[in-house]
N, C-alpha and C. Protein backbone atom coordinates (compact mmCIF):
# COMPACT_ATOMS: atom_id res chain seq x y z
N MET A 1 66.44 -23.51 43.40
CA MET A 1 67.41 -22.85 44.29
C MET A 1 68.72 -22.52 43.56
N ASN A 2 69.02 -23.28 42.54
CA ASN A 2 70.27 -23.05 41.81
C ASN A 2 70.23 -21.79 40.94
N ALA A 3 69.03 -21.35 40.58
CA ALA A 3 68.91 -20.19 39.70
C ALA A 3 69.21 -18.88 40.42
N LEU A 4 69.00 -18.86 41.74
CA LEU A 4 69.18 -17.61 42.49
C LEU A 4 70.59 -17.02 42.39
N PRO A 5 71.65 -17.80 42.65
CA PRO A 5 72.99 -17.22 42.56
C PRO A 5 73.29 -16.64 41.18
N LYS A 6 72.80 -17.29 40.12
CA LYS A 6 73.03 -16.80 38.76
C LYS A 6 72.43 -15.41 38.58
N ILE A 7 71.18 -15.26 39.05
CA ILE A 7 70.50 -13.98 38.90
C ILE A 7 71.24 -12.90 39.69
N GLN A 8 71.64 -13.23 40.92
CA GLN A 8 72.34 -12.25 41.76
C GLN A 8 73.71 -11.90 41.16
N ARG A 9 74.36 -12.89 40.57
CA ARG A 9 75.68 -12.64 40.00
C ARG A 9 75.57 -11.71 38.78
N GLY A 10 74.42 -11.75 38.12
CA GLY A 10 74.23 -10.93 36.92
C GLY A 10 74.05 -9.45 37.22
N TYR A 11 73.65 -9.12 38.46
CA TYR A 11 73.40 -7.72 38.80
C TYR A 11 74.23 -7.31 40.00
N PRO A 12 74.97 -6.23 40.00
CA PRO A 12 75.21 -5.44 38.79
C PRO A 12 76.19 -6.15 37.87
N PRO A 13 76.17 -5.86 36.57
CA PRO A 13 77.09 -6.54 35.64
C PRO A 13 78.54 -6.17 35.93
N ASP A 14 79.43 -7.07 35.57
CA ASP A 14 80.86 -6.85 35.81
C ASP A 14 81.37 -5.64 35.02
N ILE A 15 82.47 -5.06 35.52
CA ILE A 15 83.13 -3.96 34.80
C ILE A 15 83.58 -4.47 33.43
N LYS A 16 84.16 -5.67 33.41
CA LYS A 16 84.62 -6.26 32.15
C LYS A 16 83.47 -6.37 31.16
N GLU A 17 82.32 -6.83 31.66
CA GLU A 17 81.15 -6.99 30.81
C GLU A 17 80.73 -5.65 30.22
N ILE A 18 80.70 -4.63 31.08
CA ILE A 18 80.29 -3.30 30.62
C ILE A 18 81.26 -2.80 29.56
N ARG A 19 82.56 -2.95 29.83
CA ARG A 19 83.57 -2.50 28.87
C ARG A 19 83.40 -3.21 27.54
N TRP A 20 83.17 -4.54 27.61
CA TRP A 20 83.01 -5.35 26.41
C TRP A 20 81.81 -4.87 25.59
N MET A 21 80.69 -4.63 26.29
CA MET A 21 79.48 -4.15 25.62
C MET A 21 79.73 -2.77 24.99
N ALA A 22 80.40 -1.90 25.74
CA ALA A 22 80.69 -0.56 25.24
C ALA A 22 81.57 -0.64 24.00
N MET A 23 82.56 -1.54 24.03
CA MET A 23 83.46 -1.70 22.90
C MET A 23 82.69 -2.14 21.66
N ILE A 24 81.83 -3.14 21.83
CA ILE A 24 81.04 -3.63 20.70
C ILE A 24 80.14 -2.52 20.17
N PHE A 25 79.49 -1.80 21.08
CA PHE A 25 78.59 -0.71 20.68
C PHE A 25 79.36 0.35 19.89
N THR A 26 80.55 0.73 20.41
CA THR A 26 81.37 1.73 19.74
C THR A 26 81.75 1.27 18.35
N LYS A 27 82.18 0.00 18.25
CA LYS A 27 82.58 -0.54 16.95
C LYS A 27 81.41 -0.50 15.97
N LEU A 28 80.22 -0.85 16.44
CA LEU A 28 79.04 -0.83 15.58
C LEU A 28 78.76 0.59 15.09
N VAL A 29 78.83 1.55 16.01
CA VAL A 29 78.57 2.95 15.65
C VAL A 29 79.59 3.41 14.62
N ILE A 30 80.88 3.16 14.89
CA ILE A 30 81.94 3.57 13.96
C ILE A 30 81.72 2.92 12.60
N PHE A 31 81.38 1.62 12.62
CA PHE A 31 81.17 0.89 11.37
C PHE A 31 80.06 1.51 10.54
N THR A 32 78.92 1.82 11.18
CA THR A 32 77.80 2.40 10.44
C THR A 32 78.17 3.79 9.93
N GLU A 33 78.89 4.57 10.74
CA GLU A 33 79.33 5.90 10.32
C GLU A 33 80.21 5.78 9.08
N LEU A 34 81.19 4.86 9.13
CA LEU A 34 82.09 4.68 8.00
C LEU A 34 81.32 4.26 6.75
N ARG A 35 80.33 3.39 6.93
CA ARG A 35 79.54 2.94 5.78
C ARG A 35 78.80 4.10 5.15
N GLN A 36 78.22 4.96 5.99
CA GLN A 36 77.49 6.12 5.47
C GLN A 36 78.44 7.05 4.72
N VAL A 37 79.62 7.29 5.31
CA VAL A 37 80.61 8.16 4.66
C VAL A 37 81.03 7.54 3.33
N GLY A 38 81.25 6.22 3.33
CA GLY A 38 81.64 5.53 2.11
C GLY A 38 80.58 5.66 1.03
N LEU A 39 79.32 5.52 1.42
CA LEU A 39 78.24 5.65 0.44
C LEU A 39 78.19 7.07 -0.12
N LYS A 40 78.38 8.06 0.74
CA LYS A 40 78.38 9.45 0.29
C LYS A 40 79.53 9.67 -0.70
N LEU A 41 80.71 9.14 -0.37
CA LEU A 41 81.87 9.29 -1.26
C LEU A 41 81.59 8.64 -2.61
N GLU A 42 81.01 7.44 -2.58
CA GLU A 42 80.69 6.75 -3.83
C GLU A 42 79.74 7.58 -4.68
N ALA A 43 78.71 8.11 -4.05
CA ALA A 43 77.73 8.92 -4.77
C ALA A 43 78.39 10.16 -5.35
N THR A 44 79.26 10.79 -4.56
CA THR A 44 79.93 12.01 -5.01
C THR A 44 80.83 11.71 -6.20
N THR A 45 81.65 10.67 -6.11
CA THR A 45 82.56 10.34 -7.21
C THR A 45 81.75 9.97 -8.45
N PHE A 46 80.64 9.28 -8.26
CA PHE A 46 79.77 8.90 -9.37
C PHE A 46 79.25 10.15 -10.08
N LEU A 47 78.75 11.10 -9.29
CA LEU A 47 78.21 12.34 -9.87
C LEU A 47 79.31 13.13 -10.56
N VAL A 48 80.47 13.23 -9.92
CA VAL A 48 81.58 14.01 -10.49
C VAL A 48 82.03 13.38 -11.80
N SER A 49 82.18 12.06 -11.82
CA SER A 49 82.65 11.40 -13.04
C SER A 49 81.64 11.59 -14.17
N HIS A 50 80.35 11.62 -13.86
CA HIS A 50 79.34 11.83 -14.90
C HIS A 50 79.33 13.28 -15.36
N ALA A 51 79.61 14.21 -14.44
CA ALA A 51 79.63 15.63 -14.80
C ALA A 51 80.81 15.93 -15.71
N LEU A 52 81.93 15.21 -15.52
CA LEU A 52 83.13 15.47 -16.30
C LEU A 52 83.06 14.88 -17.70
N LYS A 53 82.21 13.89 -17.90
CA LYS A 53 82.13 13.24 -19.22
C LYS A 53 81.57 14.17 -20.29
């Protein structure tokens, strides 16, 4: 009987919970985007430095 209130409280999720999840998701997306951009920049600088030698 104690499990029922927990399940009901979980749906629908709180606004705070949704915001928190969205924030984490956004940060993850931004982080992966930045990493990809960083890798591209590294590759470009590597190629340029080798072309100039």
